[in-house]
Amino acid sequence: MASKFKIPHTYVIIFSIIIIAAIFTWFIPGGSFEREKITTSAGTSEVIKAHSFQYTGNSPQTWQIFSAFYKGFVRSPKIIVFILILGGAFWILNESKAIDMGVYSFLKKSDKLNKYKVIRFLGVNNIIITVVMLMFSFFGAVFGMAEETIAFVIIFVPLAISMGYDSIVGVCMCFIGAGIGFAGCLMNPFTLGIAQEISGLQLFSGLEYRFFIWIVVNIVGIGYVLWYANRVKKNPTRSIVYNEDHYWREHHAKADLQVSENPKTATWFAYVSVLAAIITSAFIWPKNAISLGASSLMIPALPVMAVLFAFFGFMAVRKSIQAFVLTILIFTILFLVVGVTGFQWGLLELAALFFAMAIVAGIAMGKDANEITRSFVAGAKDIMSAALVVGLAGGIIVILEDGKIIDTILYSISNAIAGTGKIATLSLMYVFQSGLNMIITSGTAKAALIMPILRDISDMVDLSKQATVTAFHIGDGFTNLITPTSGVLIGVLEMARIPFNKWFRWGWKLILILVILGWLLLIPTVTMQLNGY
């Protein structure tokens, strides 16, 4: 009897794509656009000069497929280091069992809501999944949350497992939620903002129809996840990652939650130290401009955080070490939101935030410096495979860049798009943008690179630039959720311990539905009079 075909390991899939990319460099001629720097609301960006393409000598890649792994690491250091720090930080938190206690305490309290007939009819768990996904979708739509979702995987995967689902549902709650919002793109300055400024449009104009798009894609995306979640709930063994989830079931068992440790002197020391640091920050920054899209509101964010931590931190220390460590995690997430929206934090600051969280948690548990170090190293070692695969995925882009064929691909596709009717042109732009995610995963980079080309094409066929921008931001969102070249996706999957091949087998239907839906939502931008279009 012939053996069943086995889908290759994630590393094999990615390295195979590197080889295919290298083969392309032998047959696609080299070329390049001239580039110029412009200033936008999101900072300085380098954009293509639309009519400056020239063919150049290509650079066929051979032995470079073996150096692509190394160059991929050099190209993606931020995400790789961020993942390693998260691995070390959450290993320390997991040793305290604080996350597990928080999860089961949350579920125990949420079960009490079943006494209300409406909530019982809708399902408490369904409401939890919907609310969490909507929250992350909003973050994705307003400030482009993407890399930050990696940190939330270790929170929502155990929650999903404890609710009777699987790790895929946990990833969907944060990563798919943010991805759907990214495509809806209400006021994201890093994609929509740059695209509109390059196109000469008023910043964040056309919001009414974009809000409609955001609502529709959320209904469909969240509905699909709820359908899958309830299917798994009825029979957990039907989950495609049932065997992989053994890790989460083993490391987050209810049996381990019987002991709640009394606070130690070190716990109080950790509380006082963190409170002193927050109070000092509050004096330095008494008010902060919290930015959401084009809106900015001055509020005393840090003073409020200091008051909240003073109260809740004190109550948590009195209760147990685990309660205090969980409080530290919650305030870390709050500071993440404040930092991103109020101080424009990137991965550097977020990595420092989670590293500080790890040290504070270790001190609160009574660990000495050597014990904290050993735990952190163990966590980084445990998540090392995620860092390796992100570096390998970056090698795909390295091969295409070194082969000097990326600009040629952009130029060839732009020529194919030009000269068709309005709906056909818009559809081809959308397909082009969706496929381009395989080569360039950064939304900001794509906006800067291709919008000058798409802008000129829309002028040729008298197509609304607002429609062109809409094709860009919808196309930028969905296929990023499944492409193996995305460092964020690979990081999320590795943190959740989901093999890419199984994620692809699960996700391709959802992504196909969303891509088709996105195309249908584009048609009204051509055929109807919409505000701002």
Protein backbone atom coordinates (compact mmCIF):
# COMPACT_ATOMS: atom_id res chain seq x y z
CA MET A 1 0.00 0.00 0.00
CA ALA A 2 1.48 3.35 -1.02
CA SER A 3 2.30 5.71 1.81
CA LYS A 4 0.33 8.95 2.09
CA PHE A 5 1.94 12.12 0.81
CA LYS A 6 3.31 14.22 3.64
CA ILE A 7 3.29 18.01 3.40
CA PRO A 8 6.90 19.17 3.82
CA HIS A 9 8.22 20.85 6.95
CA THR A 10 8.00 24.65 7.09
CA TYR A 11 11.77 24.93 6.61
CA VAL A 12 11.59 22.74 3.49
CA ILE A 13 8.74 24.82 2.02
CA ILE A 14 10.57 28.10 2.54
CA PHE A 15 13.91 26.83 1.25
CA SER A 16 12.11 25.47 -1.84
CA ILE A 17 10.72 28.95 -2.49
CA ILE A 18 14.26 30.34 -2.17
CA ILE A 19 15.38 27.92 -4.90
CA ILE A 20 12.46 28.90 -7.15
CA ALA A 21 13.27 32.59 -6.61
CA ALA A 22 16.89 31.89 -7.59
CA ILE A 23 15.71 30.17 -10.79
CA PHE A 24 13.64 33.25 -11.65
CA THR A 25 16.77 35.41 -11.48
CA TRP A 26 18.14 33.44 -14.48
CA PHE A 27 15.17 34.13 -16.75
CA ILE A 28 13.78 37.52 -15.67
CA PRO A 29 15.91 40.45 -16.90
CA GLY A 30 17.28 42.87 -14.34
CA GLY A 31 15.88 46.36 -14.04
CA SER A 32 15.43 49.27 -11.68
CA PHE A 33 13.36 52.37 -11.03
CA GLU A 34 14.83 55.63 -9.85
CA ARG A 35 13.74 56.49 -6.32
CA GLU A 36 13.21 59.68 -4.38
CA LYS A 37 12.47 60.53 -0.77
CA ILE A 38 9.24 62.24 0.25
CA THR A 39 7.88 63.33 3.61
CA THR A 40 4.47 62.00 4.68
CA SER A 41 2.45 61.98 7.89
CA ALA A 42 4.21 58.74 8.83
CA GLY A 43 7.71 60.15 8.28
CA THR A 44 10.18 60.03 5.39
CA SER A 45 9.56 57.38 2.73
CA GLU A 46 11.43 56.33 -0.38
CA VAL A 47 9.13 56.10 -3.43
CA ILE A 48 9.51 54.99 -7.03
CA LYS A 49 9.56 57.52 -9.86
CA ALA A 50 6.80 56.02 -11.96
CA HIS A 51 8.31 56.51 -15.45
CA SER A 52 11.96 55.98 -14.62
CA PHE A 53 12.32 52.23 -15.21
CA GLN A 54 15.39 51.03 -17.07
CA TYR A 55 16.58 47.52 -17.85
CA THR A 56 19.92 46.64 -16.34
CA GLY A 57 22.06 43.57 -16.18
CA ASN A 58 20.52 40.87 -14.02
CA SER A 59 22.48 38.94 -11.42
CA PRO A 60 21.61 35.22 -11.55
CA GLN A 61 21.74 33.61 -8.11
CA THR A 62 23.45 30.23 -7.63
CA TRP A 63 25.43 29.49 -4.46
CA GLN A 64 23.67 32.48 -2.89
CA ILE A 65 20.74 30.21 -1.98
CA PHE A 66 22.98 28.97 0.84
CA SER A 67 23.94 32.44 2.01
CA ALA A 68 20.30 33.61 1.88
CA PHE A 69 19.73 32.13 5.35
CA TYR A 70 22.47 34.33 6.80
CA LYS A 71 21.36 37.42 4.86
CA GLY A 72 17.77 36.77 5.92
CA PHE A 73 18.87 37.07 9.53
CA VAL A 74 20.69 40.31 8.76
CA ARG A 75 17.59 41.61 6.96
CA SER A 76 15.09 40.77 9.74
CA PRO A 77 16.95 41.36 13.03
CA LYS A 78 14.14 43.26 14.75
CA ILE A 79 11.52 40.53 14.56
CA ILE A 80 14.06 37.79 15.34
CA VAL A 81 15.36 39.51 18.50
CA PHE A 82 11.81 40.42 19.51
CA ILE A 83 10.76 36.77 19.29
CA LEU A 84 13.75 35.59 21.37
CA ILE A 85 13.04 38.18 24.08
CA LEU A 86 9.36 37.22 24.13
CA GLY A 87 10.30 33.55 24.45
CA GLY A 88 12.51 34.27 27.46
CA ALA A 89 10.04 36.66 29.07
CA PHE A 90 7.01 34.40 28.82
CA TRP A 91 8.99 31.37 29.99
CA ILE A 92 9.47 33.19 33.29
CA LEU A 93 5.78 34.10 33.43
CA ASN A 94 4.77 30.52 32.66
CA GLU A 95 6.91 29.26 35.54
CA SER A 96 4.77 31.34 37.90
CA LYS A 97 1.53 29.85 36.47
CA ALA A 98 0.13 33.39 36.57
CA ILE A 99 -1.26 33.23 33.01
CA ASP A 100 -3.00 29.93 33.77
CA MET A 101 -4.58 31.33 36.91
CA GLY A 102 -5.71 34.40 35.01
CA VAL A 103 -7.22 32.30 32.21
CA TYR A 104 -9.19 30.03 34.51
CA SER A 105 -10.28 32.89 36.74
CA PHE A 106 -11.54 34.72 33.67
CA LEU A 107 -13.40 31.66 32.38
CA LYS A 108 -14.91 30.97 35.79
CA LYS A 109 -16.28 34.51 35.99
CA SER A 110 -17.47 34.49 32.39
CA ASP A 111 -19.45 31.28 33.04
CA LYS A 112 -21.57 33.22 35.52
CA LEU A 113 -22.90 35.30 32.61
CA ASN A 114 -24.82 32.22 31.44
CA LYS A 115 -27.58 33.13 33.88
CA TYR A 116 -28.68 35.77 31.35
CA LYS A 117 -30.89 34.23 28.68
CA VAL A 118 -29.58 36.39 25.80
CA ILE A 119 -25.94 35.66 26.61
CA ARG A 120 -26.69 31.97 27.05
CA PHE A 121 -28.36 31.97 23.63
CA LEU A 122 -25.41 33.71 21.94
CA GLY A 123 -22.80 31.73 23.90
CA VAL A 124 -20.31 33.28 26.30
CA ASN A 125 -17.36 31.89 24.39
CA ASN A 126 -18.71 33.20 21.10
CA ILE A 127 -19.00 36.66 22.65
CA ILE A 128 -15.44 36.47 24.01
CA ILE A 129 -13.98 35.50 20.61
CA THR A 130 -16.01 38.21 18.83
CA VAL A 131 -15.06 40.99 21.27
CA VAL A 132 -11.36 40.09 21.24
CA MET A 133 -11.22 39.87 17.43
CA LEU A 134 -13.06 43.19 17.06
CA MET A 135 -10.63 44.84 19.46
CA PHE A 136 -7.60 43.64 17.50
CA SER A 137 -9.33 44.46 14.22
CA PHE A 138 -9.78 48.04 15.44
CA PHE A 139 -6.10 48.21 16.38
CA GLY A 140 -5.13 46.89 12.95
CA ALA A 141 -7.40 49.38 11.19
CA VAL A 142 -6.31 52.44 13.16
CA PHE A 143 -2.58 52.06 13.80
CA GLY A 144 -1.64 48.99 11.77
CA MET A 145 -1.07 46.47 14.56
CA ALA A 146 0.93 43.58 13.11
CA GLU A 147 4.22 42.65 14.79
CA GLU A 148 2.68 43.37 18.19
CA THR A 149 0.33 40.39 17.80
CA ILE A 150 3.27 38.03 18.29
CA ALA A 151 3.31 38.95 21.98
CA PHE A 152 -0.39 38.15 22.41
CA VAL A 153 -0.18 34.62 21.02
CA ILE A 154 1.11 33.21 24.30
CA ILE A 155 -1.92 34.71 26.07
CA PHE A 156 -4.73 33.79 23.69
CA VAL A 157 -3.59 30.30 22.68
CA PRO A 158 -3.79 28.98 26.29
CA LEU A 159 -7.13 30.81 26.64
CA ALA A 160 -8.50 29.15 23.51
CA ILE A 161 -7.27 25.71 24.63
CA SER A 162 -8.88 26.21 28.03
CA MET A 163 -12.16 27.18 26.36
CA GLY A 164 -12.17 23.84 24.52
CA TYR A 165 -10.83 25.08 21.19
CA ASP A 166 -7.40 24.78 19.58
CA SER A 167 -4.32 26.92 19.01
CA ILE A 168 -5.62 28.07 15.62
CA VAL A 169 -8.58 29.75 17.33
CA GLY A 170 -6.15 31.44 19.74
CA VAL A 171 -4.09 32.78 16.83
CA CYS A 172 -7.25 33.93 15.04
CA MET A 173 -8.35 35.94 18.07
CA CYS A 174 -5.36 38.27 17.81
CA PHE A 175 -3.55 37.74 14.48
CA ILE A 176 -6.48 37.19 12.11
CA GLY A 177 -8.44 39.89 13.94
CA ALA A 178 -5.63 42.41 13.38
CA GLY A 179 -5.20 41.27 9.76
CA ILE A 180 -8.88 41.83 8.98
CA GLY A 181 -8.63 45.32 10.46
CA PHE A 182 -5.44 45.98 8.49
CA ALA A 183 -7.36 45.27 5.28
CA GLY A 184 -10.33 47.41 6.39
CA CYS A 185 -7.81 50.16 7.10
CA LEU A 186 -9.91 52.91 8.66
CA MET A 187 -7.14 55.38 9.53
CA ASN A 188 -3.82 53.53 9.40
CA PRO A 189 -1.21 56.27 8.76
CA PHE A 190 1.48 53.75 7.74
CA THR A 191 -0.43 52.36 4.74
CA LEU A 192 -3.59 54.35 3.98
CA GLY A 193 -1.99 57.64 5.03
CA ILE A 194 1.07 57.20 2.80
CA ALA A 195 -1.00 55.87 -0.14
CA GLN A 196 -3.41 58.82 -0.01
CA GLU A 197 -0.67 61.42 0.31
CA ILE A 198 1.22 59.99 -2.68
CA SER A 199 -2.06 59.99 -4.64
CA GLY A 200 -2.76 63.62 -3.74
CA LEU A 201 -5.86 62.83 -1.68
CA GLN A 202 -7.00 64.36 1.58
CA LEU A 203 -5.66 62.33 4.50
CA PHE A 204 -8.13 59.61 5.61
CA SER A 205 -10.81 60.82 3.21
CA GLY A 206 -13.44 58.31 2.09
CA LEU A 207 -13.82 57.06 5.66
CA GLU A 208 -17.54 56.32 5.32
CA TYR A 209 -17.15 53.57 2.73
CA ARG A 210 -13.99 52.24 4.39
CA PHE A 211 -15.99 51.83 7.60
CA PHE A 212 -18.58 49.84 5.64
CA ILE A 213 -15.78 47.63 4.25
CA TRP A 214 -14.39 47.14 7.76
CA ILE A 215 -17.81 46.07 9.09
CA VAL A 216 -18.43 43.59 6.25
CA VAL A 217 -15.00 41.90 6.37
CA ASN A 218 -15.29 41.61 10.15
CA ILE A 219 -18.69 39.95 9.93
CA VAL A 220 -17.42 37.40 7.42
CA GLY A 221 -14.02 36.81 9.03
CA ILE A 222 -15.24 36.54 12.60
CA GLY A 223 -18.22 34.45 11.46
CA TYR A 224 -15.87 31.95 9.81
CA VAL A 225 -13.70 31.70 12.92
CA LEU A 226 -16.78 31.18 15.12
CA TRP A 227 -18.01 28.43 12.80
CA TYR A 228 -14.64 26.68 12.98
CA ALA A 229 -14.32 27.20 16.75
CA ASN A 230 -17.69 25.61 17.46
CA ARG A 231 -16.85 22.72 15.14
CA VAL A 232 -13.70 22.03 17.15
CA LYS A 233 -15.57 22.49 20.43
CA LYS A 234 -17.94 19.65 19.51
CA ASN A 235 -15.09 17.29 18.65
CA PRO A 236 -11.57 18.53 19.59
CA THR A 237 -9.92 15.62 17.77
CA ARG A 238 -11.14 17.08 14.46
CA SER A 239 -8.71 19.95 14.91
CA ILE A 240 -5.94 19.88 12.34
CA VAL A 241 -3.46 20.76 15.11
CA TYR A 242 -4.82 18.43 17.80
CA ASN A 243 -1.48 16.61 18.21
CA GLU A 244 0.56 19.83 18.23
CA ASP A 245 -1.71 21.26 20.92
CA HIS A 246 -0.59 18.55 23.32
CA TYR A 247 2.15 20.96 24.38
CA TRP A 248 -0.38 23.58 25.45
CA ARG A 249 -2.65 21.05 27.16
CA GLU A 250 0.32 19.66 29.08
CA HIS A 251 1.83 23.00 30.12
CA HIS A 252 -1.43 24.69 31.08
CA ALA A 253 -3.18 22.01 33.13
CA LYS A 254 -5.72 22.85 35.80
CA ALA A 255 -3.98 20.47 38.19
CA ASP A 256 -1.08 22.91 38.43
CA LEU A 257 -3.28 25.72 39.72
CA GLN A 258 -3.97 24.42 43.19
CA VAL A 259 -1.20 26.31 44.95
CA SER A 260 -1.29 30.10 45.29
CA GLU A 261 1.96 31.39 46.78
CA ASN A 262 1.93 34.07 49.45
CA PRO A 263 3.87 37.26 48.61
CA LYS A 264 7.52 37.49 49.59
CA THR A 265 9.65 40.48 50.50
CA ALA A 266 10.91 40.43 46.92
CA THR A 267 7.31 40.73 45.67
CA TRP A 268 6.79 43.92 47.64
CA PHE A 269 10.16 45.20 46.43
CA ALA A 270 9.11 44.59 42.81
CA TYR A 271 5.81 46.41 43.40
CA VAL A 272 7.47 49.48 44.98
CA SER A 273 10.16 49.63 42.27
CA VAL A 274 7.68 49.49 39.39
CA LEU A 275 5.40 52.05 41.07
CA ALA A 276 8.34 54.41 41.57
CA ALA A 277 9.30 54.06 37.89
CA ILE A 278 5.75 54.80 36.69
CA ILE A 279 5.39 57.79 39.02
CA THR A 280 8.71 59.19 37.79
CA SER A 281 7.55 58.76 34.18
CA ALA A 282 4.26 60.48 35.04
CA PHE A 283 6.14 63.53 36.32
CA ILE A 284 8.29 63.65 33.18
CA TRP A 285 5.31 63.19 30.81
CA PRO A 286 2.25 64.51 32.70
CA LYS A 287 0.22 64.55 29.47
CA ASN A 288 0.49 62.48 26.32
CA ALA A 289 -0.88 62.96 22.80
CA ILE A 290 -2.67 59.70 22.08
CA SER A 291 -2.98 59.43 18.29
CA LEU A 292 -5.64 57.40 16.49
CA GLY A 293 -5.40 58.03 12.77
CA ALA A 294 -5.79 61.74 12.12
CA SER A 295 -7.14 62.39 15.61
CA SER A 296 -4.95 63.25 18.58
CA LEU A 297 -6.09 63.70 22.17
CA MET A 298 -3.99 65.06 25.04
CA ILE A 299 -4.64 62.97 28.15
CA PRO A 300 -2.71 62.29 31.38
CA ALA A 301 -2.10 58.66 30.40
CA LEU A 302 0.91 57.97 32.62
CA PRO A 303 -0.51 59.64 35.76
CA VAL A 304 -3.66 57.55 35.32
CA MET A 305 -1.54 54.42 34.88
CA ALA A 306 0.37 55.28 38.07
CA VAL A 307 -2.84 55.57 40.10
CA LEU A 308 -4.26 52.35 38.65
CA PHE A 309 -1.07 50.40 39.29
CA ALA A 310 -0.76 51.77 42.82
CA PHE A 311 -4.21 50.37 43.66
CA PHE A 312 -4.42 47.15 41.64
CA GLY A 313 -0.77 46.28 42.18
CA PHE A 314 -1.17 46.65 45.96
CA MET A 315 -4.31 44.48 45.98
CA ALA A 316 -2.60 41.86 43.83
CA VAL A 317 0.50 41.65 46.05
CA ARG A 318 -1.70 41.13 49.10
CA LYS A 319 -3.44 38.25 47.34
CA SER A 320 -0.56 36.17 45.92
CA ILE A 321 2.61 36.20 43.85
CA GLN A 322 0.69 34.84 40.87
CA ALA A 323 -1.88 37.64 41.09
CA PHE A 324 0.88 40.27 41.12
CA VAL A 325 2.73 38.70 38.16
CA LEU A 326 -0.56 38.62 36.24
CA THR A 327 -1.06 42.31 37.09
CA ILE A 328 2.41 43.06 35.75
CA LEU A 329 1.44 41.32 32.48
CA ILE A 330 -1.81 43.30 32.21
CA PHE A 331 -0.06 46.62 32.77
CA THR A 332 2.64 45.63 30.29
CA ILE A 333 -0.10 45.28 27.66
CA LEU A 334 -1.60 48.64 28.69
CA PHE A 335 1.81 50.28 28.37
CA LEU A 336 2.17 48.65 24.95
CA VAL A 337 -1.01 50.39 23.77
CA VAL A 338 -0.01 53.73 25.32
CA GLY A 339 3.51 53.44 23.91
CA VAL A 340 2.38 52.65 20.37
CA THR A 341 -0.36 55.30 20.24
CA GLY A 342 1.28 57.99 22.38
CA PHE A 343 5.02 57.59 21.85
CA GLN A 344 5.18 55.86 18.43
CA TRP A 345 7.00 52.87 19.88
CA GLY A 346 8.47 50.26 17.56
CA LEU A 347 9.82 46.76 18.18
CA LEU A 348 12.87 48.17 20.00
CA GLU A 349 10.77 49.75 22.74
CA LEU A 350 8.36 46.82 22.90
CA ALA A 351 11.25 44.38 23.30
CA ALA A 352 12.62 46.51 26.15
CA LEU A 353 9.14 46.58 27.73
CA PHE A 354 8.76 42.79 27.74
CA PHE A 355 12.36 42.32 28.90
CA ALA A 356 11.65 44.59 31.87
CA MET A 357 8.45 42.63 32.53
CA ALA A 358 10.48 39.40 32.68
CA ILE A 359 12.93 40.82 35.21
CA VAL A 360 10.18 42.26 37.42
CA ALA A 361 8.25 38.98 37.30
CA GLY A 362 11.38 37.01 38.20
CA ILE A 363 12.14 39.29 41.15
CA ALA A 364 8.51 39.09 42.34
CA MET A 365 8.76 35.29 42.35
CA GLY A 366 11.83 35.45 44.57
CA LYS A 367 14.34 34.38 41.93
CA ASP A 368 17.90 35.62 42.14
CA ALA A 369 19.81 37.00 39.14
CA ASN A 370 21.22 33.62 38.13
CA GLU A 371 17.82 31.93 38.28
CA ILE A 372 16.21 34.68 36.20
CA THR A 373 19.01 34.34 33.66
CA ARG A 374 18.68 30.56 33.43
CA SER A 375 14.90 30.80 32.97
CA PHE A 376 15.22 33.51 30.33
CA VAL A 377 17.82 31.54 28.38
CA ALA A 378 15.64 28.42 28.57
CA GLY A 379 12.73 30.35 27.09
CA ALA A 380 14.84 31.85 24.32
CA LYS A 381 16.21 28.40 23.53
CA ASP A 382 12.70 26.96 23.45
CA ILE A 383 11.56 29.53 20.86
CA MET A 384 14.77 29.49 18.81
CA SER A 385 13.08 27.61 15.94
CA ALA A 386 10.83 30.64 15.40
CA ALA A 387 13.85 32.91 15.02
CA LEU A 388 15.48 30.49 12.57
CA VAL A 389 12.44 30.24 10.32
CA VAL A 390 11.96 34.05 10.25
CA GLY A 391 15.57 34.40 9.09
CA LEU A 392 15.05 31.73 6.44
CA ALA A 393 11.87 33.43 5.18
CA GLY A 394 13.78 36.70 4.84
CA GLY A 395 16.16 34.89 2.49
CA ILE A 396 13.47 34.77 -0.21
CA ILE A 397 13.41 38.55 -0.49
CA VAL A 398 17.21 38.68 -0.37
CA ILE A 399 17.47 36.43 -3.44
CA LEU A 400 14.99 38.56 -5.41
CA GLU A 401 16.70 41.80 -4.41
CA ASP A 402 20.21 40.54 -5.11
CA GLY A 403 19.01 39.13 -8.42
CA LYS A 404 17.78 42.65 -9.33
CA ILE A 405 14.41 41.43 -10.58
CA ILE A 406 11.89 42.96 -8.14
CA ASP A 407 11.60 46.23 -10.07
CA THR A 408 11.31 44.30 -13.35
CA ILE A 409 8.40 42.34 -11.93
CA LEU A 410 6.72 45.58 -10.80
CA TYR A 411 7.25 47.18 -14.22
CA SER A 412 5.96 44.18 -16.18
CA ILE A 413 2.80 43.89 -14.10
CA SER A 414 2.11 47.63 -14.31
CA ASN A 415 2.29 47.41 -18.12
CA ALA A 416 -0.12 44.48 -18.10
CA ILE A 417 -2.60 46.44 -15.98
CA ALA A 418 -2.54 49.62 -18.08
CA GLY A 419 -4.87 49.92 -21.06
CA THR A 420 -7.89 48.04 -19.71
CA GLY A 421 -11.31 49.31 -18.61
CA LYS A 422 -11.98 50.80 -15.19
CA ILE A 423 -13.31 47.68 -13.47
CA ALA A 424 -10.72 45.46 -15.15
CA THR A 425 -7.92 47.87 -14.22
CA LEU A 426 -9.07 48.05 -10.61
CA SER A 427 -9.40 44.26 -10.45
CA LEU A 428 -5.91 43.75 -11.85
CA MET A 429 -4.51 46.29 -9.38
CA TYR A 430 -6.13 44.30 -6.59
CA VAL A 431 -4.75 40.98 -7.85
CA PHE A 432 -1.34 42.58 -8.30
CA GLN A 433 -1.34 43.97 -4.77
CA SER A 434 -2.52 40.68 -3.26
CA GLY A 435 0.22 38.76 -5.05
CA LEU A 436 2.88 41.34 -4.23
CA ASN A 437 2.57 40.37 -0.57
CA MET A 438 4.62 37.29 -1.43
CA ILE A 439 7.56 39.55 -2.33
CA ILE A 440 7.15 42.64 -0.12
CA THR A 441 5.36 42.02 3.18
CA SER A 442 5.69 45.49 4.70
CA GLY A 443 2.56 47.56 4.04
CA THR A 444 4.49 50.81 4.47
CA ALA A 445 7.15 49.74 1.97
CA LYS A 446 4.53 48.66 -0.58
CA ALA A 447 2.64 51.94 -0.25
CA ALA A 448 5.80 53.92 -0.92
CA LEU A 449 6.99 51.71 -3.76
CA ILE A 450 3.93 50.98 -5.88
CA MET A 451 1.45 53.81 -5.28
CA PRO A 452 3.24 56.15 -7.73
CA ILE A 453 2.78 53.47 -10.41
CA LEU A 454 -0.86 52.73 -9.54
CA ARG A 455 -1.59 56.48 -9.32
CA ASP A 456 -0.40 57.04 -12.90
CA ILE A 457 -2.29 53.99 -14.19
CA SER A 458 -5.52 55.30 -12.62
CA ASP A 459 -4.99 58.60 -14.46
CA MET A 460 -4.62 56.75 -17.78
CA VAL A 461 -8.07 55.13 -17.50
CA ASP A 462 -9.76 57.99 -15.60
CA LEU A 463 -10.17 55.84 -12.49
CA SER A 464 -10.79 57.42 -9.10
CA LYS A 465 -7.56 57.58 -7.09
CA GLN A 466 -9.63 56.81 -4.01
CA ALA A 467 -10.68 53.53 -5.65
CA THR A 468 -7.02 52.80 -6.42
CA VAL A 469 -6.05 53.41 -2.80
CA THR A 470 -8.90 51.12 -1.68
CA ALA A 471 -7.62 48.35 -3.97
CA PHE A 472 -4.21 48.83 -2.41
CA HIS A 473 -5.21 48.59 1.24
CA ILE A 474 -7.66 45.70 0.83
CA GLY A 475 -5.12 43.79 -1.25
CA ASP A 476 -2.45 44.53 1.33
CA GLY A 477 -4.33 42.82 4.15
CA PHE A 478 -5.57 39.32 3.40
CA THR A 479 -2.81 37.37 1.63
CA ASN A 480 -0.32 38.56 4.26
CA LEU A 481 -2.13 36.16 6.60
CA ILE A 482 -0.93 33.11 4.69
CA THR A 483 2.27 33.98 2.81
CA PRO A 484 5.39 32.15 4.06
CA THR A 485 7.59 35.20 3.39
CA SER A 486 5.88 37.18 6.18
CA GLY A 487 8.15 37.33 9.22
CA VAL A 488 5.18 38.30 11.39
CA LEU A 489 3.11 35.28 10.31
CA ILE A 490 6.01 32.89 10.76
CA GLY A 491 6.76 34.40 14.17
CA VAL A 492 3.12 34.04 15.24
CA LEU A 493 2.92 30.42 14.07
CA GLU A 494 6.16 29.45 15.74
CA MET A 495 5.08 31.03 19.01
CA ALA A 496 1.81 29.07 18.76
CA ARG A 497 3.69 25.91 17.67
CA ILE A 498 1.58 25.57 14.54
CA PRO A 499 3.44 24.19 11.47
CA PHE A 500 3.05 26.45 8.44
CA ASN A 501 1.76 23.59 6.30
CA LYS A 502 -1.13 22.98 8.70
CA TRP A 503 -1.88 26.69 8.94
CA PHE A 504 -2.03 26.82 5.13
CA ARG A 505 -4.33 23.79 4.98
CA TRP A 506 -6.64 25.47 7.48
CA GLY A 507 -6.42 29.05 6.25
CA TRP A 508 -6.54 28.97 2.45
CA LYS A 509 -10.35 28.71 2.34
CA LEU A 510 -10.81 31.68 4.68
CA ILE A 511 -8.27 33.77 2.77
CA LEU A 512 -9.91 32.88 -0.57
CA ILE A 513 -13.31 33.94 0.79
CA LEU A 514 -11.88 37.23 2.08
CA VAL A 515 -10.01 37.94 -1.17
CA ILE A 516 -13.17 37.38 -3.26
CA LEU A 517 -15.17 39.48 -0.80
CA GLY A 518 -12.57 42.24 -1.03
CA TRP A 519 -12.88 42.27 -4.82
CA LEU A 520 -16.68 42.50 -4.63
CA LEU A 521 -16.37 45.44 -2.22
CA LEU A 522 -14.18 47.24 -4.77
CA ILE A 523 -16.80 47.26 -7.52
CA PRO A 524 -18.98 50.00 -5.94
CA THR A 525 -16.00 52.37 -5.95
CA VAL A 526 -16.30 52.39 -9.76
CA THR A 527 -20.02 51.93 -10.38
CA MET A 528 -21.54 54.06 -7.60
CA GLN A 529 -21.22 57.63 -6.37
CA LEU A 530 -19.62 57.26 -2.93
CA ASN A 531 -18.68 60.06 -0.57
CA GLY A 532 -15.01 60.87 -1.08
CA TYR A 533 -14.70 58.77 -4.26
